[in-house]
C-alpha atoms as a PDB file:
ATOM      1  CA  MET A   1       0.042  -0.010  -0.069  1.00  0.00           C
ATOM      2  CA  ASN A   2       1.542   3.306  -1.088  1.00  0.00           C
ATOM      3  CA  ILE A   3       0.643   6.457   1.175  1.00  0.00           C
ATOM      4  CA  LEU A   4       1.062   9.782   0.197  1.00  0.00           C
ATOM      5  CA  VAL A   5       1.904  12.112   3.222  1.00  0.00           C
ATOM      6  CA  THR A   6       1.499  15.869   2.308  1.00  0.00           C
ATOM      7  CA  GLY A   7       3.686  17.715   4.777  1.00  0.00           C
ATOM      8  CA  GLY A   8       5.636  14.699   5.702  1.00  0.00           C
ATOM      9  CA  ALA A   9       8.893  16.563   6.629  1.00  0.00           C
ATOM     10  CA  GLY A  10       7.149  18.040   9.302  1.00  0.00           C
ATOM     11  CA  PHE A  11       7.033  17.302  12.975  1.00  0.00           C
ATOM     12  CA  ILE A  12       3.866  15.140  12.900  1.00  0.00           C
ATOM     13  CA  GLY A  13       4.353  13.849   9.237  1.00  0.00           C
ATOM     14  CA  SER A  14       7.896  12.652   9.981  1.00  0.00           C
ATOM     15  CA  HIS A  15       6.757  10.456  12.666  1.00  0.00           C
ATOM     16  CA  LEU A  16       3.793   9.405  10.700  1.00  0.00           C
ATOM     17  CA  CYS A  17       5.887   8.233   7.832  1.00  0.00           C
ATOM     18  CA  ASP A  18       8.468   6.180  10.289  1.00  0.00           C
ATOM     19  CA  TYR A  19       5.245   4.240  11.605  1.00  0.00           C
ATOM     20  CA  LEU A  20       3.910   3.565   8.433  1.00  0.00           C
ATOM     21  CA  ILE A  21       7.028   2.421   6.897  1.00  0.00           C
ATOM     22  CA  SER A  22       7.448   0.242   9.879  1.00  0.00           C
ATOM     23  CA  LYS A  23       4.369  -1.285   9.177  1.00  0.00           C
ATOM     24  CA  GLY A  24       5.630  -2.274   5.924  1.00  0.00           C
ATOM     25  CA  LYS A  25       3.781   0.746   3.932  1.00  0.00           C
ATOM     26  CA  TYR A  26       5.267   2.365   0.973  1.00  0.00           C
ATOM     27  CA  VAL A  27       5.343   6.210   1.694  1.00  0.00           C
ATOM     28  CA  SER A  28       5.577   9.067  -0.685  1.00  0.00           C
ATOM     29  CA  VAL A  29       6.008  12.784   0.687  1.00  0.00           C
ATOM     30  CA  ILE A  30       5.475  16.252  -0.343  1.00  0.00           C
ATOM     31  CA  ASP A  31       6.713  19.063   1.625  1.00  0.00           C
ATOM     32  CA  ASP A  32       8.410  22.285   0.583  1.00  0.00           C
ATOM     33  CA  LEU A  33      10.099  22.675   3.664  1.00  0.00           C
ATOM     34  CA  SER A  34       8.440  26.128   4.665  1.00  0.00           C
ATOM     35  CA  THR A  35       7.742  24.738   7.766  1.00  0.00           C
ATOM     36  CA  GLY A  36       9.162  21.046   7.899  1.00  0.00           C
ATOM     37  CA  PHE A  37      12.797  20.061   8.152  1.00  0.00           C
ATOM     38  CA  PHE A  38      14.862  17.710   5.698  1.00  0.00           C
ATOM     39  CA  GLU A  39      16.556  16.513   8.899  1.00  0.00           C
ATOM     40  CA  ASN A  40      13.511  15.067  10.314  1.00  0.00           C
ATOM     41  CA  ILE A  41      13.232  12.479   7.332  1.00  0.00           C
ATOM     42  CA  VAL A  42      17.105  12.359   6.113  1.00  0.00           C
ATOM     43  CA  HIS A  43      17.178   9.009   7.949  1.00  0.00           C
ATOM     44  CA  LEU A  44      14.521   7.461   5.521  1.00  0.00           C
ATOM     45  CA  GLN A  45      16.523   8.454   2.378  1.00  0.00           C
ATOM     46  CA  GLY A  46      17.637   5.253   0.508  1.00  0.00           C
ATOM     47  CA  ASP A  47      14.808   3.175   1.952  1.00  0.00           C
ATOM     48  CA  SER A  48      13.155   1.499  -0.990  1.00  0.00           C
ATOM     49  CA  LYS A  49       9.910   2.307   0.782  1.00  0.00           C
ATOM     50  CA  PHE A  50      10.183   6.076   0.739  1.00  0.00           C
ATOM     51  CA  GLN A  51      10.095   8.887  -1.623  1.00  0.00           C
ATOM     52  CA  TYR A  52      10.574  12.533  -0.833  1.00  0.00           C
ATOM     53  CA  ILE A  53       9.478  15.213  -3.576  1.00  0.00           C
ATOM     54  CA  ASN A  54      10.648  18.762  -2.511  1.00  0.00           C
ATOM     55  CA  ASP A  55       7.755  20.834  -3.811  1.00  0.00           C
ATOM     56  CA  THR A  56       4.476  22.709  -2.706  1.00  0.00           C
ATOM     57  CA  ILE A  57       1.055  21.514  -2.465  1.00  0.00           C
ATOM     58  CA  LEU A  58      -0.241  24.232  -4.542  1.00  0.00           C
ATOM     59  CA  ASN A  59       1.545  22.717  -7.616  1.00  0.00           C
ATOM     60  CA  LYS A  60      -1.426  20.991  -9.193  1.00  0.00           C
ATOM     61  CA  ASP A  61       0.573  19.029 -11.851  1.00  0.00           C
ATOM     62  CA  ARG A  62       2.708  17.566  -9.358  1.00  0.00           C
ATOM     63  CA  MET A  63       0.152  16.608  -6.668  1.00  0.00           C
ATOM     64  CA  ASP A  64      -2.165  15.175  -9.702  1.00  0.00           C
ATOM     65  CA  SER A  65       0.945  12.459 -10.232  1.00  0.00           C
ATOM     66  CA  LEU A  66       1.563  11.755  -6.668  1.00  0.00           C
ATOM     67  CA  ILE A  67      -2.368  11.333  -5.888  1.00  0.00           C
ATOM     68  CA  ARG A  68      -2.895   9.255  -9.093  1.00  0.00           C
ATOM     69  CA  GLN A  69      -0.100   7.061  -8.198  1.00  0.00           C
ATOM     70  CA  CYS A  70      -1.042   6.337  -4.291  1.00  0.00           C
ATOM     71  CA  ASP A  71      -3.681   4.366  -2.589  1.00  0.00           C
ATOM     72  CA  ALA A  72      -4.365   6.788   0.092  1.00  0.00           C
ATOM     73  CA  VAL A  73      -3.604  10.326   1.351  1.00  0.00           C
ATOM     74  CA  VAL A  74      -2.982  11.900   4.693  1.00  0.00           C
ATOM     75  CA  HIS A  75      -3.004  15.667   4.234  1.00  0.00           C
ATOM     76  CA  LEU A  76      -0.955  17.333   6.940  1.00  0.00           C
ATOM     77  CA  ALA A  77       0.530  19.896   4.744  1.00  0.00           C
ATOM     78  CA  ALA A  78      -0.405  23.470   6.453  1.00  0.00           C
ATOM     79  CA  ALA A  79       0.908  26.772   7.630  1.00  0.00           C
ATOM     80  CA  VAL A  80       1.409  26.032  11.567  1.00  0.00           C
ATOM     81  CA  GLY A  81       2.315  27.871  14.604  1.00  0.00           C
ATOM     82  CA  VAL A  82       0.537  31.155  16.075  1.00  0.00           C
ATOM     83  CA  LYS A  83       3.550  33.091  15.419  1.00  0.00           C
ATOM     84  CA  TYR A  84       3.932  32.061  11.906  1.00  0.00           C
ATOM     85  CA  VAL A  85       0.419  32.665  10.875  1.00  0.00           C
ATOM     86  CA  ILE A  86       0.395  35.942  12.607  1.00  0.00           C
ATOM     87  CA  GLU A  87       3.538  36.977  10.486  1.00  0.00           C
ATOM     88  CA  ASN A  88       2.487  35.399   7.109  1.00  0.00           C
ATOM     89  CA  PRO A  89      -1.447  35.555   7.062  1.00  0.00           C
ATOM     90  CA  LEU A  90      -2.152  35.615   3.174  1.00  0.00           C
ATOM     91  CA  SER A  91       0.317  32.658   2.319  1.00  0.00           C
ATOM     92  CA  SER A  92      -0.886  30.702   5.158  1.00  0.00           C
ATOM     93  CA  ILE A  93      -4.664  31.271   4.310  1.00  0.00           C
ATOM     94  CA  GLU A  94      -3.810  30.100   0.812  1.00  0.00           C
ATOM     95  CA  THR A  95      -1.767  27.285   2.036  1.00  0.00           C
ATOM     96  CA  ASN A  96      -4.323  25.972   4.303  1.00  0.00           C
ATOM     97  CA  ILE A  97      -7.448  26.519   1.820  1.00  0.00           C
ATOM     98  CA  CYS A  98      -6.227  26.212  -1.740  1.00  0.00           C
ATOM     99  CA  GLY A  99      -3.789  23.371  -0.854  1.00  0.00           C
ATOM    100  CA  THR A 100      -6.452  21.537   0.921  1.00  0.00           C
ATOM    101  CA  GLU A 101      -8.944  22.242  -2.069  1.00  0.00           C
ATOM    102  CA  ILE A 102      -6.110  20.554  -4.567  1.00  0.00           C
ATOM    103  CA  ALA A 103      -6.128  17.673  -2.533  1.00  0.00           C
ATOM    104  CA  LEU A 104      -9.635  16.942  -2.267  1.00  0.00           C
ATOM    105  CA  LYS A 105     -10.177  17.612  -5.907  1.00  0.00           C
ATOM    106  CA  LEU A 106      -7.625  15.314  -6.818  1.00  0.00           C
ATOM    107  CA  ALA A 107      -8.502  12.550  -4.510  1.00  0.00           C
ATOM    108  CA  ASN A 108     -12.262  12.755  -5.829  1.00  0.00           C
ATOM    109  CA  LYS A 109     -10.945  12.619  -9.391  1.00  0.00           C
ATOM    110  CA  TYR A 110      -9.008   9.343  -8.567  1.00  0.00           C
ATOM    111  CA  LYS A 111     -11.341   7.763  -5.996  1.00  0.00           C
ATOM    112  CA  LYS A 112      -8.603   7.827  -3.193  1.00  0.00           C
ATOM    113  CA  LYS A 113      -9.407   7.712   0.520  1.00  0.00           C
ATOM    114  CA  ILE A 114      -8.183  10.875   2.311  1.00  0.00           C
ATOM    115  CA  LEU A 115      -7.722  12.203   5.788  1.00  0.00           C
ATOM    116  CA  ILE A 116      -7.487  15.899   6.467  1.00  0.00           C
ATOM    117  CA  ALA A 117      -5.689  17.232   9.292  1.00  0.00           C
ATOM    118  CA  SER A 118      -7.298  20.112  11.345  1.00  0.00           C
ATOM    119  CA  THR A 119      -6.727  21.548  14.648  1.00  0.00           C
ATOM    120  CA  SER A 120      -8.630  22.106  18.157  1.00  0.00           C
ATOM    121  CA  GLU A 121      -8.112  25.875  17.280  1.00  0.00           C
ATOM    122  CA  VAL A 122     -11.422  25.719  15.325  1.00  0.00           C
ATOM    123  CA  TYR A 123     -13.155  25.491  18.490  1.00  0.00           C
ATOM    124  CA  GLY A 124     -12.166  29.022  19.126  1.00  0.00           C
ATOM    125  CA  LYS A 125     -13.076  30.759  22.665  1.00  0.00           C
ATOM    126  CA  HIS A 126     -14.940  28.020  24.382  1.00  0.00           C
ATOM    127  CA  MET A 127     -14.270  27.629  28.097  1.00  0.00           C
ATOM    128  CA  HIS A 128     -15.963  24.701  28.547  1.00  0.00           C
ATOM    129  CA  ALA A 129     -14.613  21.121  28.959  1.00  0.00           C
ATOM    130  CA  PRO A 130     -14.485  18.510  27.360  1.00  0.00           C
ATOM    131  CA  LEU A 131     -14.847  19.899  23.701  1.00  0.00           C
ATOM    132  CA  LYS A 132     -17.049  17.743  21.637  1.00  0.00           C
ATOM    133  CA  GLU A 133     -16.924  17.493  17.602  1.00  0.00           C
ATOM    134  CA  ASP A 134     -20.620  19.216  17.310  1.00  0.00           C
ATOM    135  CA  ASP A 135     -19.918  21.937  19.526  1.00  0.00           C
ATOM    136  CA  ASN A 136     -20.527  25.159  18.361  1.00  0.00           C
ATOM    137  CA  LEU A 137     -17.673  27.357  17.441  1.00  0.00           C
ATOM    138  CA  ILE A 138     -16.542  31.081  18.571  1.00  0.00           C
ATOM    139  CA  TYR A 139     -14.115  33.266  17.110  1.00  0.00           C
ATOM    140  CA  GLY A 140     -12.829  36.832  17.386  1.00  0.00           C
ATOM    141  CA  PRO A 141     -13.019  39.630  14.834  1.00  0.00           C
ATOM    142  CA  PRO A 142     -11.404  39.182  11.277  1.00  0.00           C
ATOM    143  CA  SER A 143      -9.141  42.209  12.108  1.00  0.00           C
ATOM    144  CA  THR A 144      -7.473  39.850  14.560  1.00  0.00           C
ATOM    145  CA  MET A 145      -5.239  37.567  12.670  1.00  0.00           C
ATOM    146  CA  ARG A 146      -4.942  35.091  14.986  1.00  0.00           C
ATOM    147  CA  TRP A 147      -8.107  33.525  14.160  1.00  0.00           C
ATOM    148  CA  SER A 148      -7.440  33.324  10.189  1.00  0.00           C
ATOM    149  CA  TYR A 149      -5.484  29.862  11.157  1.00  0.00           C
ATOM    150  CA  ALA A 150      -8.720  28.693  12.921  1.00  0.00           C
ATOM    151  CA  ALA A 151     -10.890  29.856  10.398  1.00  0.00           C
ATOM    152  CA  SER A 152      -9.186  28.347   7.444  1.00  0.00           C
ATOM    153  CA  LYS A 153      -8.976  25.272   8.839  1.00  0.00           C
ATOM    154  CA  LEU A 154     -12.627  25.238   9.451  1.00  0.00           C
ATOM    155  CA  VAL A 155     -13.108  26.175   5.564  1.00  0.00           C
ATOM    156  CA  ASP A 156     -11.034  22.893   4.977  1.00  0.00           C
ATOM    157  CA  GLU A 157     -13.402  20.847   7.290  1.00  0.00           C
ATOM    158  CA  PHE A 158     -16.316  22.335   5.669  1.00  0.00           C
ATOM    159  CA  THR A 159     -15.061  21.638   2.135  1.00  0.00           C
ATOM    160  CA  ALA A 160     -14.059  18.148   2.882  1.00  0.00           C
ATOM    161  CA  LEU A 161     -17.584  17.240   4.351  1.00  0.00           C
ATOM    162  CA  ALA A 162     -19.069  18.852   1.361  1.00  0.00           C
ATOM    163  CA  TYR A 163     -17.354  16.497  -1.012  1.00  0.00           C
ATOM    164  CA  HIS A 164     -18.420  13.606   1.133  1.00  0.00           C
ATOM    165  CA  ARG A 165     -21.956  14.335   0.901  1.00  0.00           C
ATOM    166  CA  THR A 166     -22.066  15.407  -2.690  1.00  0.00           C
ATOM    167  CA  LYS A 167     -18.970  13.570  -4.096  1.00  0.00           C
ATOM    168  CA  LYS A 168     -19.419  10.376  -1.769  1.00  0.00           C
ATOM    169  CA  LEU A 169     -15.490  10.739  -1.382  1.00  0.00           C
ATOM    170  CA  ASN A 170     -14.014   8.708   1.132  1.00  0.00           C
ATOM    171  CA  VAL A 171     -12.774  11.304   3.656  1.00  0.00           C
ATOM    172  CA  GLY A 172     -12.295  11.732   7.132  1.00  0.00           C
ATOM    173  CA  ILE A 173     -11.154  14.715   9.490  1.00  0.00           C
ATOM    174  CA  PHE A 174      -8.968  14.500  12.853  1.00  0.00           C
ATOM    175  CA  ARG A 175      -8.582  17.787  14.893  1.00  0.00           C
ATOM    176  CA  CYS A 176      -5.048  17.698  16.757  1.00  0.00           C
ATOM    177  CA  PHE A 177      -5.140  18.718  20.219  1.00  0.00           C
ATOM    178  CA  ASN A 178      -1.343  20.466  20.844  1.00  0.00           C
ATOM    179  CA  THR A 179       0.867  17.590  19.921  1.00  0.00           C
ATOM    180  CA  ILE A 180       4.134  17.414  21.400  1.00  0.00           C
ATOM    181  CA  GLY A 181       7.378  15.385  21.212  1.00  0.00           C
ATOM    182  CA  PRO A 182      10.795  14.973  19.834  1.00  0.00           C
ATOM    183  CA  ARG A 183      11.215  16.826  16.409  1.00  0.00           C
ATOM    184  CA  GLN A 184       8.927  19.550  17.356  1.00  0.00           C
ATOM    185  CA  THR A 185      10.680  23.236  16.886  1.00  0.00           C
ATOM    186  CA  GLY A 186       9.892  26.045  18.798  1.00  0.00           C
ATOM    187  CA  LEU A 187      10.510  28.617  15.776  1.00  0.00           C
ATOM    188  CA  TYR A 188       6.805  29.016  14.943  1.00  0.00           C
ATOM    189  CA  GLY A 189       5.449  29.582  18.784  1.00  0.00           C
ATOM    190  CA  MET A 190       4.916  26.087  19.869  1.00  0.00           C
ATOM    191  CA  VAL A 191       5.025  26.479  23.582  1.00  0.00           C
ATOM    192  CA  VAL A 192       6.790  23.119  25.114  1.00  0.00           C
ATOM    193  CA  PRO A 193       9.846  23.280  22.700  1.00  0.00           C
ATOM    194  CA  ARG A 194      10.419  26.834  23.359  1.00  0.00           C
ATOM    195  CA  PHE A 195      10.344  25.874  27.262  1.00  0.00           C
ATOM    196  CA  ILE A 196      12.509  22.774  26.893  1.00  0.00           C
ATOM    197  CA  GLN A 197      15.119  24.952  25.386  1.00  0.00           C
ATOM    198  CA  GLN A 198      14.863  28.077  27.516  1.00  0.00           C
ATOM    199  CA  ALA A 199      15.304  25.717  30.618  1.00  0.00           C
ATOM    200  CA  LEU A 200      18.367  23.653  29.037  1.00  0.00           C
ATOM    201  CA  ARG A 201      19.959  27.067  28.485  1.00  0.00           C
ATOM    202  CA  ASP A 202      19.291  28.394  31.950  1.00  0.00           C
ATOM    203  CA  GLU A 203      17.629  31.356  30.205  1.00  0.00           C
ATOM    204  CA  PRO A 204      14.344  32.985  31.353  1.00  0.00           C
ATOM    205  CA  ILE A 205      11.446  30.629  30.335  1.00  0.00           C
ATOM    206  CA  THR A 206       8.827  33.270  28.900  1.00  0.00           C
ATOM    207  CA  VAL A 207       5.147  32.715  29.787  1.00  0.00           C
ATOM    208  CA  PHE A 208       2.933  34.714  27.503  1.00  0.00           C
ATOM    209  CA  GLY A 209      -0.210  36.116  29.108  1.00  0.00           C
ATOM    210  CA  ASP A 210      -0.733  35.232  32.881  1.00  0.00           C
ATOM    211  CA  GLY A 211      -0.235  31.820  32.407  1.00  0.00           C
ATOM    212  CA  ARG A 212      -3.354  30.609  33.508  1.00  0.00           C
ATOM    213  CA  GLN A 213      -4.403  29.510  30.236  1.00  0.00           C
ATOM    214  CA  THR A 214      -4.721  25.742  30.152  1.00  0.00           C
ATOM    215  CA  ARG A 215      -3.925  23.012  27.560  1.00  0.00           C
ATOM    216  CA  THR A 216      -4.191  19.196  26.962  1.00  0.00           C
ATOM    217  CA  PHE A 217      -0.887  18.194  25.323  1.00  0.00           C
ATOM    218  CA  THR A 218      -0.825  14.710  23.249  1.00  0.00           C
ATOM    219  CA  TYR A 219       1.794  12.676  22.641  1.00  0.00           C
ATOM    220  CA  VAL A 220       2.966  12.592  18.828  1.00  0.00           C
ATOM    221  CA  GLY A 221       3.208   8.831  18.885  1.00  0.00           C
ATOM    222  CA  ASP A 222      -0.422   8.458  20.126  1.00  0.00           C
ATOM    223  CA  VAL A 223      -1.369  11.041  17.418  1.00  0.00           C
ATOM    224  CA  VAL A 224       0.464   8.821  14.687  1.00  0.00           C
ATOM    225  CA  GLU A 225      -1.088   5.648  15.726  1.00  0.00           C
ATOM    226  CA  SER A 226      -4.718   7.373  16.023  1.00  0.00           C
ATOM    227  CA  ILE A 227      -4.353   8.793  12.312  1.00  0.00           C
ATOM    228  CA  CYS A 228      -3.409   5.118  11.307  1.00  0.00           C
ATOM    229  CA  TRP A 229      -6.518   3.205  13.052  1.00  0.00           C
ATOM    230  CA  LEU A 230      -8.532   6.055  11.583  1.00  0.00           C
ATOM    231  CA  MET A 231      -7.406   5.380   8.038  1.00  0.00           C
ATOM    232  CA  GLU A 232      -8.546   1.693   8.425  1.00  0.00           C
ATOM    233  CA  CYS A 233     -12.007   2.885  10.020  1.00  0.00           C
ATOM    234  CA  GLU A 234     -14.876   2.952   7.607  1.00  0.00           C
ATOM    235  CA  GLU A 235     -17.203   4.387  10.350  1.00  0.00           C
ATOM    236  CA  ALA A 236     -14.618   7.438  10.057  1.00  0.00           C
ATOM    237  CA  ILE A 237     -15.433   8.392   6.710  1.00  0.00           C
ATOM    238  CA  GLY A 238     -17.601  11.724   6.531  1.00  0.00           C
ATOM    239  CA  GLU A 239     -16.721  12.112  10.435  1.00  0.00           C
ATOM    240  CA  VAL A 240     -14.758  14.637  12.443  1.00  0.00           C
ATOM    241  CA  VAL A 241     -12.870  13.380  15.150  1.00  0.00           C
ATOM    242  CA  ASN A 242     -10.809  14.587  17.940  1.00  0.00           C
ATOM    243  CA  ILE A 243      -7.167  13.706  18.801  1.00  0.00           C
ATOM    244  CA  GLY A 244      -5.973  14.419  22.220  1.00  0.00           C
ATOM    245  CA  GLY A 245      -4.740  13.816  25.697  1.00  0.00           C
ATOM    246  CA  THR A 246      -6.169  13.627  28.891  1.00  0.00           C
ATOM    247  CA  GLU A 247      -4.149  15.835  31.158  1.00  0.00           C
ATOM    248  CA  GLU A 248      -5.356  19.440  31.523  1.00  0.00           C
ATOM    249  CA  ILE A 249      -2.406  21.741  32.917  1.00  0.00           C
ATOM    250  CA  SER A 250      -2.075  25.386  32.944  1.00  0.00           C
ATOM    251  CA  ILE A 251       1.115  27.109  31.112  1.00  0.00           C
ATOM    252  CA  SER A 252       2.370  28.308  34.379  1.00  0.00           C
ATOM    253  CA  GLU A 253       2.102  24.928  35.579  1.00  0.00           C
ATOM    254  CA  LEU A 254       3.939  23.666  32.434  1.00  0.00           C
ATOM    255  CA  ALA A 255       6.783  25.864  32.729  1.00  0.00           C
ATOM    256  CA  GLU A 256       7.484  25.012  36.461  1.00  0.00           C
ATOM    257  CA  ARG A 257       7.198  21.439  35.359  1.00  0.00           C
ATOM    258  CA  ILE A 258       9.558  21.467  32.454  1.00  0.00           C
ATOM    259  CA  LYS A 259      11.832  23.645  34.921  1.00  0.00           C
ATOM    260  CA  SER A 260      12.107  20.764  37.430  1.00  0.00           C
ATOM    261  CA  LEU A 261      12.422  18.096  35.011  1.00  0.00           C
ATOM    262  CA  VAL A 262      15.114  19.726  33.330  1.00  0.00           C
ATOM    263  CA  VAL A 263      16.646  20.777  36.715  1.00  0.00           C
ATOM    264  CA  SER A 264      17.282  24.343  35.300  1.00  0.00           C
ATOM    265  CA  LYS A 265      18.414  27.462  36.915  1.00  0.00           C
ATOM    266  CA  SER A 266      15.950  29.813  34.877  1.00  0.00           C
ATOM    267  CA  GLU A 267      13.487  32.060  36.226  1.00  0.00           C
ATOM    268  CA  ILE A 268       9.962  32.089  34.942  1.00  0.00           C
ATOM    269  CA  VAL A 269       8.888  35.403  33.563  1.00  0.00           C
ATOM    270  CA  TYR A 270       5.536  36.796  32.143  1.00  0.00           C
ATOM    271  CA  ILE A 271       5.626  38.509  28.903  1.00  0.00           C
ATOM    272  CA  PRO A 272       2.195  40.427  27.939  1.00  0.00           C
ATOM    273  CA  TYR A 273       0.664  39.149  24.658  1.00  0.00           C
ATOM    274  CA  GLU A 274       0.893  42.372  22.938  1.00  0.00           C
ATOM    275  CA  GLN A 275       4.700  42.323  23.458  1.00  0.00           C
ATOM    276  CA  ALA A 276       4.933  38.542  22.392  1.00  0.00           C
ATOM    277  CA  TYR A 277       2.783  38.656  19.457  1.00  0.00           C
ATOM    278  CA  GLY A 278       1.700  42.377  18.763  1.00  0.00           C
ATOM    279  CA  LYS A 279      -1.829  43.260  18.351  1.00  0.00           C
ATOM    280  CA  ASP A 280      -3.131  40.640  16.261  1.00  0.00           C
ATOM    281  CA  PHE A 281      -3.278  38.313  18.841  1.00  0.00           C
ATOM    282  CA  GLU A 282      -6.297  36.685  21.012  1.00  0.00           C
ATOM    283  CA  ASP A 283      -5.693  33.621  23.399  1.00  0.00           C
ATOM    284  CA  MET A 284      -7.921  30.538  23.580  1.00  0.00           C
ATOM    285  CA  MET A 285      -8.091  29.914  27.527  1.00  0.00           C
ATOM    286  CA  ARG A 286      -8.955  26.498  27.943  1.00  0.00           C
ATOM    287  CA  ARG A 287      -8.776  23.656  25.262  1.00  0.00           C
ATOM    288  CA  VAL A 288      -9.803  20.155  26.674  1.00  0.00           C
ATOM    289  CA  PRO A 289     -10.956  17.471  24.078  1.00  0.00           C
ATOM    290  CA  SER A 290     -13.479  15.087  24.467  1.00  0.00           C
ATOM    291  CA  SER A 291     -12.273  11.524  23.472  1.00  0.00           C
ATOM    292  CA  GLU A 292     -15.265   9.565  23.398  1.00  0.00           C
ATOM    293  CA  LYS A 293     -15.843   9.630  19.554  1.00  0.00           C
ATOM    294  CA  LEU A 294     -12.323   8.624  18.950  1.00  0.00           C
ATOM    295  CA  ASN A 295     -12.830   5.581  21.458  1.00  0.00           C
ATOM    296  CA  SER A 296     -16.005   4.249  20.196  1.00  0.00           C
ATOM    297  CA  LEU A 297     -14.484   4.340  16.608  1.00  0.00           C
ATOM    298  CA  ILE A 298     -11.035   3.158  17.100  1.00  0.00           C
ATOM    299  CA  GLY A 299     -11.017   1.858  20.750  1.00  0.00           C
ATOM    300  CA  PHE A 300      -7.957   3.942  21.396  1.00  0.00           C
ATOM    301  CA  VAL A 301      -7.269   7.147  23.390  1.00  0.00           C
ATOM    302  CA  PRO A 302      -4.235   8.943  23.783  1.00  0.00           C
ATOM    303  CA  GLN A 303      -2.855   8.054  27.344  1.00  0.00           C
ATOM    304  CA  THR A 304       0.731   8.597  27.524  1.00  0.00           C
ATOM    305  CA  PRO A 305       1.437  10.725  30.717  1.00  0.00           C
ATOM    306  CA  LEU A 306       2.580  14.170  30.235  1.00  0.00           C
ATOM    307  CA  ASP A 307       5.569  13.847  32.359  1.00  0.00           C
ATOM    308  CA  THR A 308       6.780  10.800  30.206  1.00  0.00           C
ATOM    309  CA  ILE A 309       6.367  12.926  26.973  1.00  0.00           C
ATOM    310  CA  LEU A 310       8.240  15.984  28.560  1.00  0.00           C
ATOM    311  CA  GLU A 311      11.068  13.576  29.574  1.00  0.00           C
ATOM    312  CA  SER A 312      11.550  12.242  26.157  1.00  0.00           C
ATOM    313  CA  THR A 313      11.372  15.546  24.510  1.00  0.00           C
ATOM    314  CA  ILE A 314      13.969  16.976  26.852  1.00  0.00           C
ATOM    315  CA  GLU A 315      16.194  14.387  26.165  1.00  0.00           C
ATOM    316  CA  TYR A 316      15.733  14.885  22.397  1.00  0.00           C
ATOM    317  CA  PHE A 317      16.766  18.382  22.926  1.00  0.00           C
ATOM    318  CA  ARG A 318      19.761  17.295  25.138  1.00  0.00           C
ATOM    319  CA  SER A 319      21.010  15.354  22.052  1.00  0.00           C
ATOM    320  CA  MET A 320      20.784  18.225  20.045  1.00  0.00           C
ATOM    321  CA  ILE A 321      23.399  20.539  22.164  1.00  0.00           C
END
């Protein structure tokens, strides 16, 4: 079986490639390295079950060729990270919406199954927990560019579901909740690698806002396993499914936890949002998933303890020093 992974040189995509190849699948990757890194997949070069194409998903001819030849598509390619999206709003919207439209149109043309990666960001400013897939969504104004990422991914979801309902395309959608683990970069605003790198250097650990905002972090290995199970699950076709962990923690507590695990001399300092991101930022104060639907579909829920995830990620960054 040949799986096309768009964005396969990225954090989640590279781990997915590793997993699929370990299961005997053939994997093709298209990635323009705008937010991914060749180093994430260099160890796969030379493997007869792996091929990498350095190109954008906006190249329709290239995508046509790759989707025609594959058996299924996992569409991960997207503009990622709050910092990146705020700094590159137009290209982020184009990549997320136009790129997904190209992938869906070609998957429909060749009748290939496709999974679309979405994000917990689509829930917006909800404060209740857990967040369920059929909850209403609450966004801020379009003048706050922070919401463009959530809105663009929501358009992806609408488009995918429209293809399923009108064209009978075999498509599923999964919403990831703060996936973390080795290979994740802090360059685009991801909090855990940023905290870990600061702690390892005994630099101030910079918490944006007051630190009371909470998140539920998910181990990348659990996310990859969930994706692969969903790819095999016929009941997941035409559905939106959360993939998220179970341990809610405030960002202040996260900073303290990482400082303790690293045994760092860092102080924890608080930076106003406007200083960190500018005027185009507004935060989501709570994000906790319901895993009921995921469990009912595949009998699996991400449960790797947060300390275990953090320890493995810390060791990864130690090895990079």
